[in-house]
Amino acid sequence: MLKMVILPLLFISYVNAQCNAAAGQVAFADDGKCRDCDGIFPGCSKCTEAACSECKAGFKFDNGVCTYLNGFKDDTTCLDNYVKVGSTCQYCLHCSGKCEAEKLCTGCDEGYYLVNGHCLACSRCKAGKCTVSGGCSECEDNYFVKAKQCNTCGQCATGKCSSTGCTQCVSDKYTLKDGVCTLPLKSLFPSFDKLH
């Protein structure tokens, strides 16, 4: 296991050494390719994979973002799989097809569904029961569908988890509400009642 962690880090370190840092390039962990900082963080001349650390001439560094000085126009473009939102480039994670500024993703990779321009994983969905537009329609055992995603049955009594959630909790110390069994606050924090 330790080798799996060290090897990718060594690879990225090696690739980063091959990138031209002086020209504002950085390697990314997902594919190890060198990319211009300016294509990820508009106006940026030095960066890491996560953030810009220095701006190009004509820009000022403001809360981790390069902003345009008076008299300069916005002519920065973002790399593929990034979309320009204001003066930054946002990564279109798991998007398929187009990634647009207004909506971000317009489609998702297989195994993901679209919600407000973002692609969310079809986690715990039964095979073939997740669509890009509809999300999960049927879940694995011990999970139920709520708001297009699978939620755990958690503290449901055995055999009491339906497609809409719990119908009975494992014990009376839990409260059943909207298909979910939860512990009341007073059982988690006994001194809570004394404060009121």
C-alpha atoms as a PDB file:
ATOM      1  CA  MET A   1       0.000   0.000   0.000  1.00  0.00           C
ATOM      2  CA  LEU A   2       2.798   2.421   0.844  1.00  0.00           C
ATOM      3  CA  LYS A   3       4.349   1.862  -2.586  1.00  0.00           C
ATOM      4  CA  MET A   4       1.086   2.885  -4.264  1.00  0.00           C
ATOM      5  CA  VAL A   5       1.170   6.229  -2.473  1.00  0.00           C
ATOM      6  CA  ILE A   6       4.866   6.965  -3.000  1.00  0.00           C
ATOM      7  CA  LEU A   7       5.089   5.986  -6.669  1.00  0.00           C
ATOM      8  CA  PRO A   8       2.469   8.475  -7.958  1.00  0.00           C
ATOM      9  CA  LEU A   9       4.062  11.247  -5.882  1.00  0.00           C
ATOM     10  CA  LEU A  10       7.496  10.408  -7.291  1.00  0.00           C
ATOM     11  CA  PHE A  11       6.028  10.356 -10.796  1.00  0.00           C
ATOM     12  CA  ILE A  12       4.397  13.772 -10.369  1.00  0.00           C
ATOM     13  CA  SER A  13       7.605  15.136  -8.833  1.00  0.00           C
ATOM     14  CA  TYR A  14       9.518  13.841 -11.849  1.00  0.00           C
ATOM     15  CA  VAL A  15       6.968  15.282 -14.296  1.00  0.00           C
ATOM     16  CA  ASN A  16       6.926  18.601 -12.405  1.00  0.00           C
ATOM     17  CA  ALA A  17      10.709  18.724 -12.798  1.00  0.00           C
ATOM     18  CA  GLN A  18      10.157  18.358 -16.562  1.00  0.00           C
ATOM     19  CA  CYS A  19       7.600  21.190 -16.685  1.00  0.00           C
ATOM     20  CA  ASN A  20       8.939  24.681 -17.270  1.00  0.00           C
ATOM     21  CA  ALA A  21       8.126  26.378 -13.956  1.00  0.00           C
ATOM     22  CA  ALA A  22       9.801  29.577 -15.132  1.00  0.00           C
ATOM     23  CA  ALA A  23       7.295  29.699 -18.002  1.00  0.00           C
ATOM     24  CA  GLY A  24       4.382  29.160 -15.580  1.00  0.00           C
ATOM     25  CA  GLN A  25       3.752  25.452 -16.105  1.00  0.00           C
ATOM     26  CA  VAL A  26       2.672  22.823 -13.579  1.00  0.00           C
ATOM     27  CA  ALA A  27       1.914  19.072 -13.786  1.00  0.00           C
ATOM     28  CA  PHE A  28      -1.458  17.675 -12.722  1.00  0.00           C
ATOM     29  CA  ALA A  29      -1.941  14.503 -10.687  1.00  0.00           C
ATOM     30  CA  ASP A  30      -4.832  13.211 -12.806  1.00  0.00           C
ATOM     31  CA  ASP A  31      -2.751  12.830 -15.980  1.00  0.00           C
ATOM     32  CA  GLY A  32       0.739  14.193 -15.177  1.00  0.00           C
ATOM     33  CA  LYS A  33       0.654  16.574 -18.175  1.00  0.00           C
ATOM     34  CA  CYS A  34       2.240  20.024 -18.031  1.00  0.00           C
ATOM     35  CA  ARG A  35      -0.268  22.873 -18.230  1.00  0.00           C
ATOM     36  CA  ASP A  36       0.124  26.649 -18.272  1.00  0.00           C
ATOM     37  CA  CYS A  37      -0.925  28.251 -14.988  1.00  0.00           C
ATOM     38  CA  ASP A  38      -2.706  31.003 -16.956  1.00  0.00           C
ATOM     39  CA  GLY A  39      -5.001  28.425 -18.590  1.00  0.00           C
ATOM     40  CA  ILE A  40      -6.196  27.234 -15.193  1.00  0.00           C
ATOM     41  CA  PHE A  41      -5.997  30.420 -13.141  1.00  0.00           C
ATOM     42  CA  PRO A  42      -6.418  33.425 -15.494  1.00  0.00           C
ATOM     43  CA  GLY A  43      -3.561  35.929 -15.184  1.00  0.00           C
ATOM     44  CA  CYS A  44      -1.435  33.533 -13.128  1.00  0.00           C
ATOM     45  CA  SER A  45       2.301  33.136 -13.777  1.00  0.00           C
ATOM     46  CA  LYS A  46       3.215  30.665 -10.977  1.00  0.00           C
ATOM     47  CA  CYS A  47       0.967  27.997  -9.495  1.00  0.00           C
ATOM     48  CA  THR A  48       0.563  24.591  -7.968  1.00  0.00           C
ATOM     49  CA  GLU A  49      -2.144  22.168  -8.986  1.00  0.00           C
ATOM     50  CA  ALA A  50      -4.401  23.704  -6.322  1.00  0.00           C
ATOM     51  CA  ALA A  51      -3.762  27.463  -6.380  1.00  0.00           C
ATOM     52  CA  CYS A  52      -2.072  30.435  -7.997  1.00  0.00           C
ATOM     53  CA  SER A  53       0.853  31.965  -6.114  1.00  0.00           C
ATOM     54  CA  GLU A  54       1.953  34.810  -8.430  1.00  0.00           C
ATOM     55  CA  CYS A  55       0.323  36.940 -11.145  1.00  0.00           C
ATOM     56  CA  LYS A  56       1.490  38.097 -14.572  1.00  0.00           C
ATOM     57  CA  ALA A  57       2.189  41.757 -15.351  1.00  0.00           C
ATOM     58  CA  GLY A  58      -1.086  43.689 -15.590  1.00  0.00           C
ATOM     59  CA  PHE A  59      -2.719  41.679 -12.808  1.00  0.00           C
ATOM     60  CA  LYS A  60      -2.762  41.987  -9.045  1.00  0.00           C
ATOM     61  CA  PHE A  61      -2.895  39.109  -6.568  1.00  0.00           C
ATOM     62  CA  ASP A  62      -6.114  39.379  -4.522  1.00  0.00           C
ATOM     63  CA  ASN A  63      -7.207  36.601  -2.136  1.00  0.00           C
ATOM     64  CA  GLY A  64      -5.598  33.856  -4.218  1.00  0.00           C
ATOM     65  CA  VAL A  65      -6.992  35.199  -7.517  1.00  0.00           C
ATOM     66  CA  CYS A  66      -5.337  37.353 -10.169  1.00  0.00           C
ATOM     67  CA  THR A  67      -7.565  40.330 -10.995  1.00  0.00           C
ATOM     68  CA  TYR A  68      -7.160  42.768 -13.857  1.00  0.00           C
ATOM     69  CA  LEU A  69      -5.645  46.166 -13.219  1.00  0.00           C
ATOM     70  CA  ASN A  70      -7.360  49.213 -14.745  1.00  0.00           C
ATOM     71  CA  GLY A  71      -6.781  49.489 -18.474  1.00  0.00           C
ATOM     72  CA  PHE A  72      -6.254  45.778 -19.139  1.00  0.00           C
ATOM     73  CA  LYS A  73      -8.841  43.655 -20.899  1.00  0.00           C
ATOM     74  CA  ASP A  74      -9.891  40.098 -20.199  1.00  0.00           C
ATOM     75  CA  ASP A  75      -8.373  37.976 -22.973  1.00  0.00           C
ATOM     76  CA  THR A  76      -7.582  34.825 -21.011  1.00  0.00           C
ATOM     77  CA  THR A  77      -9.005  31.535 -22.240  1.00  0.00           C
ATOM     78  CA  CYS A  78      -9.290  28.324 -20.237  1.00  0.00           C
ATOM     79  CA  LEU A  79      -7.930  24.902 -21.155  1.00  0.00           C
ATOM     80  CA  ASP A  80     -10.116  21.993 -22.283  1.00  0.00           C
ATOM     81  CA  ASN A  81     -12.285  20.627 -19.454  1.00  0.00           C
ATOM     82  CA  TYR A  82     -12.209  24.033 -17.711  1.00  0.00           C
ATOM     83  CA  VAL A  83     -14.809  26.779 -18.041  1.00  0.00           C
ATOM     84  CA  LYS A  84     -14.343  30.473 -17.368  1.00  0.00           C
ATOM     85  CA  VAL A  85     -16.502  31.738 -14.512  1.00  0.00           C
ATOM     86  CA  GLY A  86     -15.788  35.385 -13.758  1.00  0.00           C
ATOM     87  CA  SER A  87     -12.009  35.718 -13.720  1.00  0.00           C
ATOM     88  CA  THR A  88     -11.289  32.075 -12.833  1.00  0.00           C
ATOM     89  CA  CYS A  89     -11.341  28.730 -14.620  1.00  0.00           C
ATOM     90  CA  GLN A  90     -13.393  25.972 -12.997  1.00  0.00           C
ATOM     91  CA  TYR A  91     -12.736  22.302 -13.722  1.00  0.00           C
ATOM     92  CA  CYS A  92     -15.668  20.430 -15.243  1.00  0.00           C
ATOM     93  CA  LEU A  93     -15.346  17.267 -13.165  1.00  0.00           C
ATOM     94  CA  HIS A  94     -16.880  14.157 -14.817  1.00  0.00           C
ATOM     95  CA  CYS A  95     -18.549  16.227 -17.571  1.00  0.00           C
ATOM     96  CA  SER A  96     -19.114  14.727 -20.979  1.00  0.00           C
ATOM     97  CA  GLY A  97     -19.875  16.838 -24.007  1.00  0.00           C
ATOM     98  CA  LYS A  98     -19.779  20.575 -23.398  1.00  0.00           C
ATOM     99  CA  CYS A  99     -18.826  22.477 -20.315  1.00  0.00           C
ATOM    100  CA  GLU A 100     -20.350  25.956 -20.439  1.00  0.00           C
ATOM    101  CA  ALA A 101     -19.986  28.979 -18.159  1.00  0.00           C
ATOM    102  CA  GLU A 102     -23.714  29.426 -17.572  1.00  0.00           C
ATOM    103  CA  LYS A 103     -24.523  25.829 -16.634  1.00  0.00           C
ATOM    104  CA  LEU A 104     -21.085  24.223 -16.240  1.00  0.00           C
ATOM    105  CA  CYS A 105     -21.705  20.598 -17.332  1.00  0.00           C
ATOM    106  CA  THR A 106     -24.340  19.853 -19.960  1.00  0.00           C
ATOM    107  CA  GLY A 107     -23.778  16.077 -19.753  1.00  0.00           C
ATOM    108  CA  CYS A 108     -21.984  13.589 -17.491  1.00  0.00           C
ATOM    109  CA  ASP A 109     -19.648  10.618 -17.778  1.00  0.00           C
ATOM    110  CA  GLU A 110     -21.133   7.146 -17.311  1.00  0.00           C
ATOM    111  CA  GLY A 111     -21.891   6.470 -13.648  1.00  0.00           C
ATOM    112  CA  TYR A 112     -22.748  10.130 -12.917  1.00  0.00           C
ATOM    113  CA  TYR A 113     -25.912  12.241 -13.109  1.00  0.00           C
ATOM    114  CA  LEU A 114     -26.497  15.962 -13.650  1.00  0.00           C
ATOM    115  CA  VAL A 115     -27.703  18.338 -10.893  1.00  0.00           C
ATOM    116  CA  ASN A 116     -27.465  22.123 -11.372  1.00  0.00           C
ATOM    117  CA  GLY A 117     -24.556  21.846 -13.818  1.00  0.00           C
ATOM    118  CA  HIS A 118     -22.512  19.449 -11.669  1.00  0.00           C
ATOM    119  CA  CYS A 119     -22.027  15.702 -12.133  1.00  0.00           C
ATOM    120  CA  LEU A 120     -22.664  13.599  -9.020  1.00  0.00           C
ATOM    121  CA  ALA A 121     -21.743   9.916  -8.632  1.00  0.00           C
ATOM    122  CA  CYS A 122     -24.444   7.250  -8.931  1.00  0.00           C
ATOM    123  CA  SER A 123     -23.276   5.760  -5.637  1.00  0.00           C
ATOM    124  CA  ARG A 124     -25.132   2.626  -4.423  1.00  0.00           C
ATOM    125  CA  CYS A 125     -27.498   2.606  -7.449  1.00  0.00           C
ATOM    126  CA  LYS A 126     -28.404  -0.794  -8.891  1.00  0.00           C
ATOM    127  CA  ALA A 127     -26.664  -1.503 -12.198  1.00  0.00           C
ATOM    128  CA  GLY A 128     -28.439   0.275 -15.057  1.00  0.00           C
ATOM    129  CA  LYS A 129     -30.682   2.265 -12.689  1.00  0.00           C
ATOM    130  CA  CYS A 130     -28.940   5.647 -12.947  1.00  0.00           C
ATOM    131  CA  THR A 131     -29.416   8.094 -15.816  1.00  0.00           C
ATOM    132  CA  VAL A 132     -27.733  11.433 -16.496  1.00  0.00           C
ATOM    133  CA  SER A 133     -31.022  13.341 -16.242  1.00  0.00           C
ATOM    134  CA  GLY A 134     -32.878  11.234 -13.675  1.00  0.00           C
ATOM    135  CA  GLY A 135     -30.220  10.197 -11.185  1.00  0.00           C
ATOM    136  CA  CYS A 136     -30.778   6.953  -9.286  1.00  0.00           C
ATOM    137  CA  SER A 137     -34.160   5.273  -9.664  1.00  0.00           C
ATOM    138  CA  GLU A 138     -33.393   2.083  -7.708  1.00  0.00           C
ATOM    139  CA  CYS A 139     -30.772   1.377  -5.048  1.00  0.00           C
ATOM    140  CA  GLU A 140     -28.797  -1.585  -3.756  1.00  0.00           C
ATOM    141  CA  ASP A 141     -30.146  -3.498  -0.745  1.00  0.00           C
ATOM    142  CA  ASN A 142     -30.269  -1.482   2.503  1.00  0.00           C
ATOM    143  CA  TYR A 143     -30.472   1.825   0.575  1.00  0.00           C
ATOM    144  CA  PHE A 144     -33.437   3.890  -0.672  1.00  0.00           C
ATOM    145  CA  VAL A 145     -33.893   6.675  -3.251  1.00  0.00           C
ATOM    146  CA  LYS A 146     -34.392  10.241  -2.044  1.00  0.00           C
ATOM    147  CA  ALA A 147     -33.679  13.329  -4.189  1.00  0.00           C
ATOM    148  CA  LYS A 148     -32.198  11.219  -7.035  1.00  0.00           C
ATOM    149  CA  GLN A 149     -29.553   9.615  -4.805  1.00  0.00           C
ATOM    150  CA  CYS A 150     -29.261   6.503  -2.644  1.00  0.00           C
ATOM    151  CA  ASN A 151     -29.423   6.967   1.121  1.00  0.00           C
ATOM    152  CA  THR A 152     -28.552   4.351   3.723  1.00  0.00           C
ATOM    153  CA  CYS A 153     -31.321   2.622   5.648  1.00  0.00           C
ATOM    154  CA  GLY A 154     -29.072   3.029   8.685  1.00  0.00           C
ATOM    155  CA  GLN A 155     -30.985   2.224  11.868  1.00  0.00           C
ATOM    156  CA  CYS A 156     -34.016   0.607  10.197  1.00  0.00           C
ATOM    157  CA  ALA A 157     -35.358  -2.562  11.771  1.00  0.00           C
ATOM    158  CA  THR A 158     -34.521  -5.740   9.814  1.00  0.00           C
ATOM    159  CA  GLY A 159     -36.742  -5.962   6.736  1.00  0.00           C
ATOM    160  CA  LYS A 160     -38.223  -2.494   7.352  1.00  0.00           C
ATOM    161  CA  CYS A 161     -36.354  -0.520   4.670  1.00  0.00           C
ATOM    162  CA  SER A 162     -38.535   0.104   1.634  1.00  0.00           C
ATOM    163  CA  SER A 163     -37.926   1.974  -1.602  1.00  0.00           C
ATOM    164  CA  THR A 164     -39.032   5.164   0.190  1.00  0.00           C
ATOM    165  CA  GLY A 165     -36.979   4.675   3.375  1.00  0.00           C
ATOM    166  CA  CYS A 166     -37.452   3.182   6.822  1.00  0.00           C
ATOM    167  CA  THR A 167     -40.909   2.175   7.981  1.00  0.00           C
ATOM    168  CA  GLN A 168     -39.742   1.144  11.465  1.00  0.00           C
ATOM    169  CA  CYS A 169     -36.586   1.872  13.462  1.00  0.00           C
ATOM    170  CA  VAL A 170     -34.360  -0.736  15.131  1.00  0.00           C
ATOM    171  CA  SER A 171     -35.399   0.495  18.619  1.00  0.00           C
ATOM    172  CA  ASP A 172     -37.651   3.024  20.336  1.00  0.00           C
ATOM    173  CA  LYS A 173     -34.721   5.329  21.159  1.00  0.00           C
ATOM    174  CA  TYR A 174     -34.722   6.431  17.475  1.00  0.00           C
ATOM    175  CA  THR A 175     -37.221   8.853  15.939  1.00  0.00           C
ATOM    176  CA  LEU A 176     -38.633   8.040  12.494  1.00  0.00           C
ATOM    177  CA  LYS A 177     -39.072  11.077  10.230  1.00  0.00           C
ATOM    178  CA  ASP A 178     -39.270  11.163   6.419  1.00  0.00           C
ATOM    179  CA  GLY A 179     -38.050   7.561   6.173  1.00  0.00           C
ATOM    180  CA  VAL A 180     -34.926   8.137   8.308  1.00  0.00           C
ATOM    181  CA  CYS A 181     -34.225   6.935  11.866  1.00  0.00           C
ATOM    182  CA  THR A 182     -32.331   9.468  13.993  1.00  0.00           C
ATOM    183  CA  LEU A 183     -31.403   9.842  17.643  1.00  0.00           C
ATOM    184  CA  PRO A 184     -32.991  12.842  19.369  1.00  0.00           C
ATOM    185  CA  LEU A 185     -30.508  15.540  20.476  1.00  0.00           C
ATOM    186  CA  LYS A 186     -31.254  14.934  24.147  1.00  0.00           C
ATOM    187  CA  SER A 187     -30.038  11.324  23.852  1.00  0.00           C
ATOM    188  CA  LEU A 188     -26.791  12.488  22.221  1.00  0.00           C
ATOM    189  CA  PHE A 189     -26.286  15.347  24.694  1.00  0.00           C
ATOM    190  CA  PRO A 190     -28.029  14.488  28.012  1.00  0.00           C
ATOM    191  CA  SER A 191     -27.085  17.838  29.567  1.00  0.00           C
ATOM    192  CA  PHE A 192     -28.813  19.672  26.675  1.00  0.00           C
ATOM    193  CA  ASP A 193     -32.144  19.760  28.591  1.00  0.00           C
ATOM    194  CA  LYS A 194     -30.452  21.459  31.572  1.00  0.00           C
ATOM    195  CA  LEU A 195     -29.475  24.458  29.418  1.00  0.00           C
ATOM    196  CA  HIS A 196     -33.096  25.426  28.812  1.00  0.00           C
END
